[in-house]
Protein backbone atom coordinates (compact mmCIF):
# COMPACT_ATOMS: atom_id res chain seq x y z
CA UNK A 1 -71.32 -30.68 56.26
CA UNK A 2 -70.28 -31.30 52.65
CA UNK A 3 -72.21 -29.76 49.79
CA UNK A 4 -74.18 -32.00 47.50
CA UNK A 5 -73.83 -31.24 43.82
CA UNK A 6 -76.75 -31.53 41.40
CA UNK A 7 -76.86 -34.77 39.41
CA UNK A 8 -76.13 -33.05 36.08
CA UNK A 9 -72.96 -31.46 37.50
CA UNK A 10 -71.77 -34.83 38.73
CA UNK A 11 -72.37 -36.33 35.28
CA UNK A 12 -70.48 -33.50 33.59
CA UNK A 13 -67.52 -34.01 35.91
CA UNK A 14 -67.52 -37.76 35.27
CA UNK A 15 -67.67 -37.20 31.52
CA UNK A 16 -64.81 -34.70 31.68
CA UNK A 17 -62.67 -37.25 33.50
CA UNK A 18 -63.05 -39.74 30.68
CA UNK A 19 -60.97 -37.55 28.40
CA UNK A 20 -57.80 -36.38 30.12
CA UNK A 21 -55.84 -33.19 29.49
CA UNK A 22 -53.54 -34.93 26.99
CA UNK A 23 -56.50 -36.14 24.95
CA UNK A 24 -58.17 -32.73 25.13
CA UNK A 25 -54.96 -31.10 23.90
CA UNK A 26 -54.75 -33.60 21.04
CA UNK A 27 -58.44 -33.05 20.17
CA UNK A 28 -57.97 -29.29 19.91
CA UNK A 29 -54.51 -29.46 18.28
CA UNK A 30 -55.91 -29.45 14.76
CA UNK A 31 -54.28 -27.16 12.22
CA UNK A 32 -57.56 -25.50 11.26
CA UNK A 33 -60.97 -24.63 12.72
CA UNK A 34 -62.54 -27.05 10.23
CA UNK A 35 -60.41 -29.99 11.30
CA UNK A 36 -60.19 -32.20 14.41
CA UNK A 37 -57.93 -35.08 15.47
CA UNK A 38 -59.59 -38.43 16.13
CA UNK A 39 -58.51 -39.72 19.55
CA UNK A 40 -58.62 -43.30 18.31
CA UNK A 41 -56.72 -43.30 15.01
CA UNK A 42 -54.89 -40.00 15.72
CA UNK A 43 -55.56 -38.62 12.23
CA UNK A 44 -56.68 -35.10 11.41
CA UNK A 45 -60.08 -35.09 9.73
CA UNK A 46 -62.82 -32.59 8.74
CA UNK A 47 -65.59 -31.85 11.25
CA UNK A 48 -68.07 -33.76 9.06
CA UNK A 49 -66.23 -36.97 10.00
CA UNK A 50 -67.40 -36.66 13.60
CA UNK A 51 -70.92 -37.29 14.88
CA UNK A 52 -72.75 -34.74 17.04
CA UNK A 53 -73.17 -35.72 20.68
CA UNK A 54 -75.24 -33.32 22.75
CA UNK A 55 -73.84 -29.84 22.20
CA UNK A 56 -70.42 -30.98 20.92
CA UNK A 57 -68.80 -33.49 18.65
CA UNK A 58 -67.69 -37.02 19.47
CA UNK A 59 -63.98 -37.48 20.05
CA UNK A 60 -63.60 -40.37 17.60
CA UNK A 61 -64.31 -40.25 13.86
CA UNK A 62 -67.23 -42.02 12.20
CA UNK A 63 -64.95 -44.69 10.69
CA UNK A 64 -63.44 -45.63 14.09
CA UNK A 65 -66.92 -45.52 15.61
CA UNK A 66 -68.24 -47.92 12.96
CA UNK A 67 -65.27 -50.26 13.49
CA UNK A 68 -65.88 -50.26 17.24
CA UNK A 69 -69.59 -51.05 16.76
CA UNK A 70 -68.80 -53.82 14.27
CA UNK A 71 -66.29 -55.38 16.68
CA UNK A 72 -68.93 -55.30 19.43
CA UNK A 73 -71.57 -56.94 17.22
CA UNK A 74 -69.13 -59.57 15.99
CA UNK A 75 -68.24 -60.47 19.57
CA UNK A 76 -71.89 -61.27 20.40
CA UNK A 77 -72.94 -64.92 20.20
CA UNK A 78 -75.10 -65.81 17.14
CA UNK A 79 -78.17 -66.60 19.29
CA UNK A 80 -78.01 -63.12 20.85
CA UNK A 81 -77.69 -61.42 17.44
CA UNK A 82 -80.67 -63.36 16.07
CA UNK A 83 -82.75 -62.58 19.18
CA UNK A 84 -81.88 -58.89 18.92
CA UNK A 85 -82.86 -58.76 15.23
CA UNK A 86 -86.16 -60.48 15.95
CA UNK A 87 -86.81 -58.12 18.88
CA UNK A 88 -86.12 -55.03 16.75
CA UNK A 89 -88.60 -56.28 14.17
CA UNK A 90 -91.38 -56.65 16.71
CA UNK A 91 -90.91 -53.75 19.16
CA UNK A 92 -92.36 -51.31 16.65
CA UNK A 93 -95.59 -53.29 16.47
CA UNK A 94 -95.74 -54.36 20.11
CA UNK A 95 -95.16 -58.08 19.60
CA UNK A 96 -92.53 -60.23 21.27
CA UNK A 97 -89.77 -62.39 19.83
CA UNK A 98 -91.71 -65.61 20.41
CA UNK A 99 -94.59 -64.39 18.22
CA UNK A 100 -92.18 -63.36 15.50
CA UNK A 101 -90.32 -66.69 15.63
CA UNK A 102 -93.68 -68.51 15.42
CA UNK A 103 -94.71 -66.46 12.36
CA UNK A 104 -91.39 -67.23 10.63
CA UNK A 105 -91.75 -70.94 11.45
CA UNK A 106 -95.36 -70.97 10.18
CA UNK A 107 -94.18 -69.55 6.84
CA UNK A 108 -91.22 -72.02 6.70
CA UNK A 109 -88.82 -69.17 5.90
CA UNK A 110 -90.75 -68.43 2.70
CA UNK A 111 -92.30 -65.23 1.41
CA UNK A 112 -96.06 -65.08 1.99
CA UNK A 113 -96.72 -63.76 -1.56
CA UNK A 114 -94.34 -65.45 -3.99
CA UNK A 115 -93.55 -68.44 -1.70
CA UNK A 116 -89.90 -68.05 -2.63
CA UNK A 117 -87.32 -68.98 -0.03
CA UNK A 118 -85.89 -65.88 1.58
CA UNK A 119 -82.20 -66.54 0.98
CA UNK A 120 -80.79 -63.06 0.38
CA UNK A 121 -78.79 -61.47 3.18
CA UNK A 122 -79.42 -63.42 6.36
CA UNK A 123 -82.14 -65.73 4.99
CA UNK A 124 -85.37 -65.67 6.97
CA UNK A 125 -83.80 -63.12 9.31
CA UNK A 126 -83.75 -60.59 6.46
CA UNK A 127 -87.49 -60.97 5.91
CA UNK A 128 -89.61 -57.85 5.98
CA UNK A 129 -92.46 -57.69 8.48
CA UNK A 130 -95.40 -56.47 6.36
CA UNK A 131 -98.22 -54.52 7.99
CA UNK A 132 -101.34 -52.59 7.03
CA UNK A 133 -100.26 -48.96 6.79
CA UNK A 134 -103.65 -47.63 7.99
CA UNK A 135 -104.35 -49.93 10.93
CA UNK A 136 -100.79 -50.98 11.79
CA UNK A 137 -101.90 -54.64 11.95
CA UNK A 138 -99.21 -57.20 11.02
CA UNK A 139 -99.88 -59.36 7.99
CA UNK A 140 -96.80 -61.56 7.49
CA UNK A 141 -93.19 -61.82 6.39
CA UNK A 142 -92.27 -60.97 2.83
CA UNK A 143 -89.07 -60.96 0.82
CA UNK A 144 -87.71 -57.49 0.03
CA UNK A 145 -89.05 -57.46 -3.52
CA UNK A 146 -92.59 -58.50 -2.56
CA UNK A 147 -92.65 -56.08 0.38
CA UNK A 148 -91.87 -53.23 -1.99
CA UNK A 149 -94.38 -54.52 -4.55
CA UNK A 150 -97.21 -54.84 -2.00
CA UNK A 151 -96.70 -51.21 -1.01
CA UNK A 152 -96.60 -50.23 -4.67
CA UNK A 153 -99.69 -52.36 -5.39
CA UNK A 154 -101.68 -50.66 -2.65
CA UNK A 155 -101.09 -47.31 -4.35
CA UNK A 156 -100.58 -47.97 -8.11
CA UNK A 157 -101.71 -51.53 -9.03
CA UNK A 158 -99.64 -51.89 -12.20
CA UNK A 159 -98.73 -55.62 -12.24
CA UNK A 160 -99.17 -58.72 -14.36
CA UNK A 161 -102.40 -60.63 -13.75
CA UNK A 162 -100.68 -63.65 -12.10
CA UNK A 163 -98.69 -61.54 -9.65
CA UNK A 164 -101.70 -59.28 -8.99
CA UNK A 165 -103.74 -62.39 -8.10
CA UNK A 166 -101.02 -63.58 -5.66
CA UNK A 167 -100.92 -60.17 -3.94
CA UNK A 168 -104.74 -59.95 -3.76
CA UNK A 169 -104.92 -63.43 -2.24
CA UNK A 170 -102.31 -62.46 0.31
CA UNK A 171 -104.06 -59.19 1.20
CA UNK A 172 -107.49 -60.87 1.37
CA UNK A 173 -106.13 -63.34 3.90
CA UNK A 174 -105.39 -60.47 6.33
CA UNK A 175 -108.49 -58.30 5.96
């Protein structure tokens, strides 16, 4: 009867197989204890250029890692990228992508305070999901500037009368 290894041992063996002896030799062939060789670009770099993974360091440098992630994101279809961005906005507050898309459509891609079109970055996709900091209840989408100003207003209230009135109207709507 063959012995059955614990799951963690099997995972460790699988992980070890991903990096062969040649790669391990290259990884440890650095000229100093403060340097490592990236297995992707094959350049010697300081330890700070590698991200921590578990108890060790990753085998590729941060720059190669970022390039790999960018290539992955660029390969995704635009609908998937938009859906993922909408999902990431809502998961924190427990709402789904349909609710978020409906809120954006209701506001016509405009900021709920200044009514300006959100055109910076990715347009309406770069909108900030404003929420009440005490209750966690969602209020609406704001441009970056108004999102910052609403937070500032709730603590300092040092604005011109016209802008203060716009913020108060917006906040009153969600009380």
